[in-house]
C-alpha cells in the first residue's frame, strides 16, 4: 500500500491509535526511501566488485596452470610433510624427502646488491721531500717566470786574514759576487672526457680531477730528487748538491749509521757556523739496510731507528738505491705558483663532439743557491763508501 503524507492540520486532528499508526507507517516509509537511495549509490561499486571477482577467478585458473617455483615447491612439501616433521622434532623417528632446494640461483634475475659509495684511488709513491722543504709562493706579476739572485763566487773568493807584524802590510782578501737565475718550470697532464660523463657520473668526474692532480704531483716528487735540470725539467737535489768523498777511517764493520755521521761531520767541520744538518734522505731499501743491520749474535744493531743523532730520516722512494743525501733543509726551497690548477677546455672538434679536456698544471722550481750547496752532501755509492770507511 502506498504511503500518503498528511498535512499538518490533518495530523493535529489525529488522536490515539490513528496517530500512532500514522507515525509507524511514516517511519517505515522513510526507511524504505533510505534503503533505495543507498542501493542506488552502491550500484556501480557492486558491479565493479562482481567484475573483480570474475577477474580473480580467471587468474586463479591461470595460476593453477603455472609451474611452481622451487621456493613454492619447498613450501608445499613442508606443508605436506608437516606431521612427519613434528614427529621428528619431538624425538621420534621418520624421514622426509624434500625434492627441491631453494638457493640464490633460484632467483633469476637477482637485482639485489649493496652499493659502496666510494671509488678506490690507485696507489703512488708517498709524498715526502716536498712536504718537508720550505716553500715560497710566487705571485702573478712582471717577473718573467725567473728567480734571480746574487751569490758569492766561491771559486774566486779568498779569505786572506792573517797575523800582521809591526810595520808590515796587511793581507788582502778577495770577495766576488755573481748573478744567478733559475726558471720556473711547468708540469701538467690532460684527460679528454665527454659531457655525458660529467652529467651522469658526478662522483667519478670528481675522482678524475684528483687523478690528474695526483699524476702531476707524482712527477713533481720524482723531479724534486732526480730532475736533471735540462730542457724544461726541474733541477733536482741529486744533480744539485756536491758529492761526499769518503776517506779511510778505520771504522770496524762500518754501517750506514756510521756513514751518515761522517757525512754530517764533513758538512759542519768547516761550516758549522752556518749549517746544522737536520735530515738524511734515503729510500725504503736503503732504510732497510740500516734498520736490519745485526751484530755477530744476530741482534739488531739499531732497534726501530728513525733518526741518526739529530738528523731525521726522510724516506722518499724516488731516491735511487744505494744513494743517500744529508743536509740542512732550510737551504733547499721550493718556489711555486700556488697548488696544482685544474681547468676545463675544448680542443679540435670537441665542441661538436660534445667533449672537453681536463687539464692539470703547476709551475715551480727547486732552488739551492750556489752559496748554500755546501750545506748538503750526497753519497753516490753507499757500498763503496762503507768499504772505504772500514779501511
Protein backbone atom coordinates (compact mmCIF):
# COMPACT_ATOMS: atom_id res chain seq x y z
CA UNK A 1 0.00 0.00 0.00
CA UNK A 2 1.36 3.39 -0.97
CA UNK A 3 2.04 5.77 1.94
CA UNK A 4 0.48 9.26 1.71
CA UNK A 5 1.76 12.14 3.81
CA UNK A 6 -0.86 14.13 5.77
CA UNK A 7 -0.91 17.89 6.17
CA UNK A 8 -0.02 19.45 9.48
CA UNK A 9 -3.65 20.32 10.19
CA UNK A 10 -4.73 16.72 9.48
CA UNK A 11 -2.04 15.36 11.79
CA UNK A 12 -3.12 17.73 14.60
CA UNK A 13 -6.65 16.32 14.43
CA UNK A 14 -5.43 12.70 14.84
CA UNK A 15 -5.84 11.04 18.22
CA UNK A 16 -4.78 7.80 19.86
CA UNK A 17 -4.45 4.75 17.67
CA UNK A 18 -4.81 6.69 14.44
CA UNK A 19 -1.83 8.97 15.30
CA UNK A 20 0.38 6.04 16.35
CA UNK A 21 -0.41 4.10 13.19
CA UNK A 22 0.39 7.15 11.05
CA UNK A 23 3.80 7.63 12.80
CA UNK A 24 4.74 3.93 12.35
CA UNK A 25 3.82 3.89 8.68
CA UNK A 26 5.68 7.17 8.02
CA UNK A 27 8.88 5.83 9.70
CA UNK A 28 8.71 2.60 7.71
CA UNK A 29 8.24 4.57 4.50
CA UNK A 30 11.24 6.78 5.19
CA UNK A 31 13.41 3.72 5.92
CA UNK A 32 12.41 2.26 2.54
CA UNK A 33 13.41 5.51 0.87
CA UNK A 34 16.86 5.49 2.60
CA UNK A 35 17.44 1.85 1.59
CA UNK A 36 16.58 2.63 -2.02
CA UNK A 37 18.91 5.64 -2.04
CA UNK A 38 21.79 3.56 -0.65
CA UNK A 39 21.26 0.78 -3.18
CA UNK A 40 21.24 3.32 -5.98
CA UNK A 41 24.52 4.85 -4.76
CA UNK A 42 26.24 1.46 -4.33
CA UNK A 43 25.12 0.00 -7.65
CA UNK A 44 28.38 0.98 -9.55
CA UNK A 45 30.55 -0.40 -6.72
CA UNK A 46 28.67 -3.69 -6.63
CA UNK A 47 29.09 -4.09 -10.36
CA UNK A 48 32.84 -3.37 -10.04
CA UNK A 49 33.22 -5.97 -7.29
CA UNK A 50 31.42 -8.59 -9.40
CA UNK A 51 33.79 -7.84 -12.29
CA UNK A 52 36.82 -8.10 -9.94
CA UNK A 53 35.63 -11.44 -8.59
CA UNK A 54 35.39 -12.74 -12.12
CA UNK A 55 38.93 -11.50 -12.88
CA UNK A 56 40.31 -13.12 -9.71
CA UNK A 57 38.62 -16.38 -10.64
CA UNK A 58 40.28 -16.26 -14.07
CA UNK A 59 43.73 -15.51 -12.53
CA UNK A 60 43.33 -18.42 -10.13
CA UNK A 61 42.56 -20.72 -13.04
CA UNK A 62 45.70 -19.46 -14.87
CA UNK A 63 47.86 -19.79 -11.75
CA UNK A 64 46.89 -23.43 -11.41
CA UNK A 65 48.42 -24.00 -14.83
CA UNK A 66 51.76 -22.29 -13.93
CA UNK A 67 54.65 -24.48 -12.71
CA UNK A 68 55.56 -23.81 -9.10
CA UNK A 69 58.93 -22.20 -8.33
CA UNK A 70 61.46 -24.10 -6.24
CA UNK A 71 60.51 -21.95 -3.24
CA UNK A 72 56.80 -22.72 -3.69
CA UNK A 73 57.59 -26.42 -4.16
CA UNK A 74 59.56 -26.36 -0.92
CA UNK A 75 56.71 -24.63 0.94
CA UNK A 76 54.23 -27.18 -0.42
CA UNK A 77 56.42 -30.12 0.54
CA UNK A 78 56.95 -28.78 4.07
CA UNK A 79 53.19 -28.44 4.44
CA UNK A 80 52.56 -31.94 3.07
CA UNK A 81 55.14 -33.42 5.47
CA UNK A 82 54.07 -31.39 8.49
CA UNK A 83 53.07 -34.39 10.60
CA UNK A 84 56.35 -36.24 9.95
CA UNK A 85 58.39 -33.11 10.75
CA UNK A 86 56.51 -32.60 14.04
CA UNK A 87 57.15 -36.22 14.97
CA UNK A 88 60.88 -35.90 14.26
CA UNK A 89 61.01 -32.62 16.18
CA UNK A 90 59.61 -34.40 19.29
CA UNK A 91 62.33 -37.06 19.17
CA UNK A 92 60.50 -39.65 17.11
CA UNK A 93 61.75 -41.49 14.06
CA UNK A 94 60.93 -40.81 10.49
CA UNK A 95 62.23 -39.37 7.26
CA UNK A 96 61.22 -36.57 4.96
CA UNK A 97 62.43 -36.16 1.36
CA UNK A 98 62.50 -32.60 0.05
CA UNK A 99 62.75 -32.74 -3.71
CA UNK A 100 63.64 -29.10 -4.36
CA UNK A 101 66.41 -26.93 -2.86
CA UNK A 102 65.94 -23.17 -2.76
CA UNK A 103 69.15 -21.17 -3.23
CA UNK A 104 70.23 -17.80 -4.64
CA UNK A 105 70.37 -19.26 -8.13
CA UNK A 106 66.62 -19.84 -7.97
CA UNK A 107 66.12 -16.04 -8.05
CA UNK A 108 66.71 -15.15 -11.67
CA UNK A 109 67.33 -12.37 -12.36
CA UNK A 110 68.57 -11.30 -8.94
CA UNK A 111 68.84 -7.49 -8.98
CA UNK A 112 69.81 -7.01 -5.34
CA UNK A 113 73.24 -5.63 -4.33
CA UNK A 114 74.95 -3.48 -1.71
CA UNK A 115 76.36 -0.34 -3.33
CA UNK A 116 79.53 1.12 -1.77
CA UNK A 117 79.56 4.90 -2.17
CA UNK A 118 83.27 5.25 -2.96
CA UNK A 119 85.86 4.83 -5.71
CA UNK A 120 89.23 3.36 -4.76
CA UNK A 121 92.23 5.52 -5.66
CA UNK A 122 95.31 4.00 -7.26
CA UNK A 123 98.44 3.91 -5.12
CA UNK A 124 101.51 6.02 -5.91
CA UNK A 125 104.74 6.73 -4.07
CA UNK A 126 104.28 8.59 -0.82
CA UNK A 127 104.97 12.32 -0.95
CA UNK A 128 107.91 13.03 1.35
CA UNK A 129 110.60 15.52 0.29
CA UNK A 130 108.03 18.06 -0.97
CA UNK A 131 106.31 18.07 2.42
CA UNK A 132 109.47 18.79 4.45
CA UNK A 133 111.05 21.55 2.36
CA UNK A 134 110.21 25.25 2.88
CA UNK A 135 108.02 26.86 0.21
CA UNK A 136 107.98 30.36 -1.22
CA UNK A 137 104.85 31.45 -3.08
CA UNK A 138 105.39 33.26 -6.38
CA UNK A 139 102.52 35.52 -7.39
CA UNK A 140 101.34 36.65 -10.80
CA UNK A 141 103.37 39.65 -11.92
CA UNK A 142 106.13 41.03 -14.13
CA UNK A 143 108.83 38.53 -13.19
CA UNK A 144 109.16 36.61 -16.48
CA UNK A 145 108.90 33.35 -14.52
CA UNK A 146 112.53 33.78 -13.45
CA UNK A 147 114.08 33.78 -9.97
CA UNK A 148 117.28 35.87 -9.92
CA UNK A 149 119.73 36.15 -7.05
CA UNK A 150 123.27 37.35 -6.31
CA UNK A 151 125.62 34.98 -4.55
CA UNK A 152 129.27 34.52 -3.66
CA UNK A 153 131.56 33.29 -6.38
CA UNK A 154 133.34 30.77 -4.17
CA UNK A 155 135.83 29.82 -6.88
CA UNK A 156 137.39 33.29 -6.85
CA UNK A 157 136.66 34.35 -3.27
CA UNK A 158 139.70 34.28 -0.96
CA UNK A 159 139.84 34.78 2.81
CA UNK A 160 143.34 36.20 3.41
CA UNK A 161 143.17 37.38 7.04
CA UNK A 162 146.38 36.67 8.98
CA UNK A 163 148.56 37.95 11.82
CA UNK A 164 150.40 41.17 10.89
CA UNK A 165 153.84 42.22 12.10
CA UNK A 166 154.52 45.80 13.12
CA UNK A 167 155.04 47.94 10.06
CA UNK A 168 154.11 45.10 7.67
CA UNK A 169 151.40 45.34 5.01
CA UNK A 170 148.03 43.82 5.75
CA UNK A 171 146.92 40.83 3.65
CA UNK A 172 144.23 41.41 1.07
CA UNK A 173 141.17 39.16 0.70
CA UNK A 174 139.15 38.78 -2.48
CA UNK A 175 135.38 38.92 -2.42
CA UNK A 176 133.47 38.45 -5.65
CA UNK A 177 129.81 38.06 -6.39
CA UNK A 178 127.98 36.54 -9.29
CA UNK A 179 124.41 36.77 -10.53
CA UNK A 180 122.43 33.54 -11.00
CA UNK A 181 118.98 32.80 -12.41
CA UNK A 182 116.53 29.91 -12.14
CA UNK A 183 113.41 29.48 -14.26
CA UNK A 184 110.02 28.23 -13.12
CA UNK A 185 109.16 25.00 -14.93
CA UNK A 186 105.70 23.70 -15.80
CA UNK A 187 104.42 20.19 -15.14
CA UNK A 188 101.00 19.16 -16.43
CA UNK A 189 98.63 16.48 -17.65
CA UNK A 190 95.35 16.30 -19.62
CA UNK A 191 92.42 13.91 -19.95
CA UNK A 192 89.59 14.07 -22.53
CA UNK A 193 86.05 13.32 -21.27
CA UNK A 194 82.52 13.51 -22.66
CA UNK A 195 79.87 15.96 -21.49
CA UNK A 196 77.61 13.00 -20.61
CA UNK A 197 80.26 11.66 -18.26
CA UNK A 198 80.13 14.86 -16.20
CA UNK A 199 76.34 14.91 -16.29
CA UNK A 200 75.71 11.26 -15.41
CA UNK A 201 78.73 10.27 -13.29
CA UNK A 202 79.30 13.15 -10.90
CA UNK A 203 81.25 11.13 -8.34
CA UNK A 204 83.56 9.60 -10.93
CA UNK A 205 84.10 13.02 -12.53
CA UNK A 206 85.34 14.35 -9.20
CA UNK A 207 87.75 11.43 -8.91
CA UNK A 208 89.19 12.27 -12.35
CA UNK A 209 90.26 15.68 -11.09
CA UNK A 210 92.03 14.04 -8.15
CA UNK A 211 93.56 11.53 -10.57
CA UNK A 212 95.08 14.32 -12.68
CA UNK A 213 96.32 16.22 -9.62
CA UNK A 214 97.99 13.05 -8.33
CA UNK A 215 99.64 12.48 -11.72
CA UNK A 216 101.20 15.96 -11.64
CA UNK A 217 102.33 15.64 -8.04
CA UNK A 218 103.92 12.26 -8.76
CA UNK A 219 106.11 13.79 -11.47
CA UNK A 220 106.96 16.72 -9.19
CA UNK A 221 108.03 14.39 -6.38
CA UNK A 222 110.31 12.45 -8.71
CA UNK A 223 111.89 15.53 -10.30
CA UNK A 224 112.50 17.22 -6.93
CA UNK A 225 115.03 14.43 -6.38
CA UNK A 226 116.04 13.17 -9.82
CA UNK A 227 115.32 16.09 -12.16
CA UNK A 228 118.35 16.72 -14.43
CA UNK A 229 117.59 20.42 -14.91
CA UNK A 230 117.84 20.11 -18.69
CA UNK A 231 115.21 21.41 -21.08
CA UNK A 232 112.01 22.04 -19.15
CA UNK A 233 112.71 19.66 -16.25
CA UNK A 234 113.32 20.65 -12.64
CA UNK A 235 116.85 20.67 -11.27
CA UNK A 236 116.57 18.05 -8.53
CA UNK A 237 118.52 17.59 -5.34
CA UNK A 238 120.73 14.73 -6.59
CA UNK A 239 122.01 16.80 -9.53
CA UNK A 240 122.39 19.94 -7.39
CA UNK A 241 124.39 19.01 -4.29
CA UNK A 242 128.09 18.05 -4.19
CA UNK A 243 129.29 14.50 -3.59
CA UNK A 244 130.81 13.23 -0.36
CA UNK A 245 134.33 11.91 -0.73
CA UNK A 246 134.85 9.14 1.85
CA UNK A 247 138.24 8.72 3.49
CA UNK A 248 139.78 5.66 5.09
CA UNK A 249 138.70 5.94 8.74
CA UNK A 250 139.41 2.52 10.26
CA UNK A 251 135.82 2.03 11.40
CA UNK A 252 135.35 -1.71 12.03
CA UNK A 253 132.15 -3.10 10.47
CA UNK A 254 131.20 0.33 9.14
CA UNK A 255 127.44 0.65 8.58
CA UNK A 256 125.05 3.28 7.22
CA UNK A 257 124.66 4.89 10.63
CA UNK A 258 128.44 5.46 10.71
CA UNK A 259 128.39 6.79 7.16
CA UNK A 260 125.64 9.35 7.88
CA UNK A 261 127.55 10.63 10.90
CA UNK A 262 130.72 11.05 8.82
CA UNK A 263 128.83 12.91 6.08
CA UNK A 264 127.36 15.26 8.67
CA UNK A 265 130.83 15.89 10.07
CA UNK A 266 132.10 16.74 6.62
CA UNK A 267 129.40 19.43 6.30
CA UNK A 268 129.79 21.09 9.69
CA UNK A 269 133.55 20.70 10.19
CA UNK A 270 134.40 23.91 8.33
CA UNK A 271 130.92 25.49 8.06
CA UNK A 272 129.23 24.74 11.36
CA UNK A 273 128.51 28.41 11.97
CA UNK A 274 126.02 28.35 9.11
CA UNK A 275 124.78 24.79 8.66
CA UNK A 276 123.05 22.46 11.05
CA UNK A 277 122.13 19.35 9.01
CA UNK A 278 118.73 18.02 10.07
CA UNK A 279 117.82 15.33 7.55
CA UNK A 280 119.11 12.24 5.83
CA UNK A 281 117.21 11.34 2.67
CA UNK A 282 117.02 7.71 1.50
CA UNK A 283 114.59 5.20 0.02
CA UNK A 284 112.98 2.21 1.78
CA UNK A 285 115.61 -0.27 0.55
CA UNK A 286 118.43 1.82 1.99
CA UNK A 287 116.48 2.31 5.21
CA UNK A 288 116.12 -1.47 5.46
CA UNK A 289 119.88 -1.84 5.23
CA UNK A 290 120.17 0.50 8.21
CA UNK A 291 117.37 -0.93 10.34
CA UNK A 292 118.07 -4.59 9.60
CA UNK A 293 121.77 -4.39 10.43
CA UNK A 294 122.76 -7.09 13.00
CA UNK A 295 125.72 -7.83 15.20
CA UNK A 296 127.64 -11.12 15.32
CA UNK A 297 124.96 -12.62 17.57
CA UNK A 298 122.18 -11.69 15.15
CA UNK A 299 120.84 -8.95 17.41
CA UNK A 300 119.57 -5.81 15.67
CA UNK A 301 122.16 -3.08 15.89
CA UNK A 302 119.58 -0.28 15.71
CA UNK A 303 116.10 -1.06 17.01
CA UNK A 304 113.39 0.86 15.16
CA UNK A 305 115.79 3.72 14.42
CA UNK A 306 114.07 6.77 12.91
CA UNK A 307 116.86 9.28 13.48
CA UNK A 308 120.61 9.36 13.17
CA UNK A 309 121.59 11.62 16.02
CA UNK A 310 119.89 14.96 15.35
CA UNK A 311 119.12 14.00 11.73
CA UNK A 312 115.58 12.92 10.88
CA UNK A 313 115.37 10.06 8.38
CA UNK A 314 113.21 11.13 5.40
CA UNK A 315 112.04 8.07 3.48
CA UNK A 316 111.37 9.01 -0.13
CA UNK A 317 111.15 6.16 -2.61
CA UNK A 318 112.03 8.40 -5.52
CA UNK A 319 115.61 8.28 -4.24
CA UNK A 320 117.84 5.85 -6.16
CA UNK A 321 119.00 2.67 -4.42
CA UNK A 322 122.38 2.78 -2.67
CA UNK A 323 122.29 6.60 -2.53
CA UNK A 324 121.63 9.00 0.35
CA UNK A 325 121.72 12.76 0.93
CA UNK A 326 122.48 14.59 4.17
CA UNK A 327 121.71 18.28 4.50
CA UNK A 328 120.15 21.33 6.11
CA UNK A 329 116.60 21.62 4.79
CA UNK A 330 116.45 25.37 5.36
CA UNK A 331 118.61 25.97 2.30
CA UNK A 332 116.58 23.93 -0.23
CA UNK A 333 113.49 25.94 -1.10
CA UNK A 334 110.58 25.30 -3.39
CA UNK A 335 109.36 28.35 -5.33
CA UNK A 336 105.85 27.68 -6.64
CA UNK A 337 102.82 29.42 -8.09
CA UNK A 338 100.08 28.04 -5.85
CA UNK A 339 98.96 24.44 -5.99
CA UNK A 340 98.00 22.22 -8.90
CA UNK A 341 95.43 24.09 -11.04
CA UNK A 342 92.61 22.07 -12.66
CA UNK A 343 90.85 23.67 -15.64
CA UNK A 344 88.45 22.63 -18.42
CA UNK A 345 88.55 23.49 -22.09
CA UNK A 346 87.94 22.29 -25.64
CA UNK A 347 90.34 21.46 -28.45
CA UNK A 348 89.88 20.45 -32.08
CA UNK A 349 86.41 19.03 -32.76
CA UNK A 350 85.48 18.58 -29.09
CA UNK A 351 82.76 21.26 -29.22
CA UNK A 352 80.77 19.49 -31.95
CA UNK A 353 81.54 16.05 -30.47
CA UNK A 354 80.26 17.05 -27.02
CA UNK A 355 83.62 16.52 -25.35
CA UNK A 356 86.02 18.54 -23.22
CA UNK A 357 89.54 18.21 -21.86
CA UNK A 358 90.54 18.38 -18.22
CA UNK A 359 93.94 19.96 -17.65
CA UNK A 360 96.16 19.97 -14.57
CA UNK A 361 99.23 22.22 -14.33
CA UNK A 362 101.73 23.65 -11.89
CA UNK A 363 104.75 25.96 -12.22
CA UNK A 364 107.58 25.66 -9.75
CA UNK A 365 111.30 25.09 -9.18
CA UNK A 366 113.63 23.74 -6.52
CA UNK A 367 116.38 26.19 -5.62
CA UNK A 368 119.53 25.55 -3.62
CA UNK A 369 121.60 28.71 -4.08
CA UNK A 370 125.16 28.23 -5.21
CA UNK A 371 126.44 29.55 -1.90
CA UNK A 372 124.20 27.12 0.02
CA UNK A 373 125.04 23.90 -1.80
CA UNK A 374 127.85 23.12 0.64
CA UNK A 375 125.12 22.56 3.24
CA UNK A 376 124.34 19.25 1.51
CA UNK A 377 126.37 16.18 0.57
CA UNK A 378 125.30 13.09 -1.36
CA UNK A 379 126.72 9.58 -1.18
CA UNK A 380 126.51 8.19 -4.69
CA UNK A 381 127.53 4.63 -3.76
CA UNK A 382 126.87 3.59 -0.17
CA UNK A 383 128.50 0.19 -0.52
CA UNK A 384 131.77 1.64 -1.80
CA UNK A 385 131.74 4.40 0.84
CA UNK A 386 131.28 1.86 3.66
CA UNK A 387 134.21 -0.20 2.39
CA UNK A 388 136.38 2.92 2.39
CA UNK A 389 135.36 3.93 5.92
CA UNK A 390 136.23 0.46 7.18
CA UNK A 391 139.82 0.63 5.89
